[in-house]
Amino acid sequence: MEMQNSAKSSFSDSICPSPSDPRILAALAARKLLGEVKRAVDIAGVESLTASDILVNAPINKVVDLKNIIGRPKQTRSAMSRLPRK
């Protein structure tokens, strides 16, 4: 029984890094920064923080790349700027 607990502890430690692990902290910081630039609708910021070879399943039921991901907000922003203002 003791052997199993020892092996189990060693196994889980190797899979679950510490919350203070620099890789975990860097990933959380990058995720926070990406969230901030998305909320600010900073298209250039999102593009600079996104992998150039990204592929995602879009809500339009297609696989899209970075060009399409960045192009959609640009098109929306352009179309909205042409709407009459009150």
Protein backbone atom coordinates (compact mmCIF):
# COMPACT_ATOMS: atom_id res chain seq x y z
CA MET A 1 0.00 0.00 0.00
CA GLU A 2 2.82 2.39 0.88
CA MET A 3 4.50 1.70 -2.46
CA GLN A 4 1.33 2.66 -4.31
CA ASN A 5 0.99 5.96 -2.43
CA SER A 6 4.61 6.82 -3.10
CA ALA A 7 4.26 6.09 -6.82
CA LYS A 8 0.98 7.98 -7.00
CA SER A 9 2.46 11.04 -5.31
CA SER A 10 5.47 11.04 -7.62
CA PHE A 11 3.22 10.63 -10.66
CA SER A 12 0.91 13.53 -9.77
CA ASP A 13 3.82 15.83 -8.91
CA SER A 14 5.35 15.30 -12.33
CA ILE A 15 2.07 16.07 -14.12
CA CYS A 16 0.86 18.99 -12.02
CA PRO A 17 3.41 21.80 -11.87
CA SER A 18 3.37 24.20 -8.97
CA PRO A 19 1.24 27.36 -9.29
CA SER A 20 4.48 29.30 -8.77
CA ASP A 21 6.18 27.54 -11.72
CA PRO A 22 7.54 30.28 -14.05
CA ARG A 23 5.91 28.60 -17.05
CA ILE A 24 2.51 28.71 -15.37
CA LEU A 25 3.00 32.35 -14.33
CA ALA A 26 4.07 33.32 -17.87
CA ALA A 27 1.07 31.54 -19.42
CA LEU A 28 -1.34 33.26 -17.01
CA ALA A 29 0.25 36.66 -17.68
CA ALA A 30 -0.01 36.14 -21.45
CA ARG A 31 -3.63 35.07 -21.13
CA LYS A 32 -4.42 38.15 -19.04
CA LEU A 33 -2.72 40.44 -21.56
CA LEU A 34 -4.60 38.83 -24.46
CA GLY A 35 -7.88 39.35 -22.59
CA GLU A 36 -7.03 43.02 -22.04
CA VAL A 37 -6.27 43.69 -25.70
CA LYS A 38 -9.44 41.85 -26.75
CA ARG A 39 -11.56 43.96 -24.41
CA ALA A 40 -9.91 47.09 -25.79
CA VAL A 41 -10.68 45.87 -29.34
CA ASP A 42 -6.97 46.30 -30.10
CA ILE A 43 -6.77 44.31 -33.34
CA ALA A 44 -3.04 44.89 -33.78
CA GLY A 45 -2.45 43.79 -30.18
CA VAL A 46 -4.45 40.59 -30.65
CA GLU A 47 -2.56 39.86 -33.87
CA SER A 48 0.82 40.36 -32.19
CA LEU A 49 -0.08 38.02 -29.30
CA THR A 50 -1.55 35.24 -31.47
CA ALA A 51 0.51 32.46 -33.05
CA SER A 52 0.94 33.06 -36.77
CA ASP A 53 -0.02 29.45 -37.58
CA ILE A 54 -3.18 29.33 -35.44
CA LEU A 55 -6.15 27.32 -36.70
CA VAL A 56 -9.49 27.34 -34.86
CA ASN A 57 -13.00 26.02 -35.36
CA ALA A 58 -15.05 29.14 -35.93
CA PRO A 59 -18.75 29.56 -35.07
CA ILE A 60 -19.40 29.62 -38.84
CA ASN A 61 -18.57 25.87 -38.83
CA LYS A 62 -15.26 26.33 -40.64
CA VAL A 63 -11.62 26.06 -39.68
CA VAL A 64 -10.07 29.52 -39.92
CA ASP A 65 -6.55 30.93 -39.70
CA LEU A 66 -5.10 34.14 -38.27
CA LYS A 67 -5.89 36.15 -41.39
CA ASN A 68 -9.59 35.30 -41.04
CA ILE A 69 -9.62 35.77 -37.25
CA ILE A 70 -8.14 39.26 -37.54
CA GLY A 71 -10.07 40.13 -40.71
CA ARG A 72 -13.53 39.72 -39.20
CA PRO A 73 -13.22 42.43 -36.52
CA LYS A 74 -11.60 44.74 -39.07
CA GLN A 75 -14.56 44.23 -41.45
CA THR A 76 -17.05 44.78 -38.63
CA ARG A 77 -15.29 47.93 -37.47
CA SER A 78 -15.17 49.25 -41.05
CA ALA A 79 -18.86 48.51 -41.64
CA MET A 80 -19.84 50.13 -38.34
CA SER A 81 -17.91 53.28 -39.20
CA ARG A 82 -20.04 53.69 -42.33
CA LEU A 83 -23.31 53.60 -40.38
CA PRO A 84 -25.06 56.93 -39.94
CA ARG A 85 -24.61 58.43 -36.50
CA LYS A 86 -27.37 60.09 -34.55
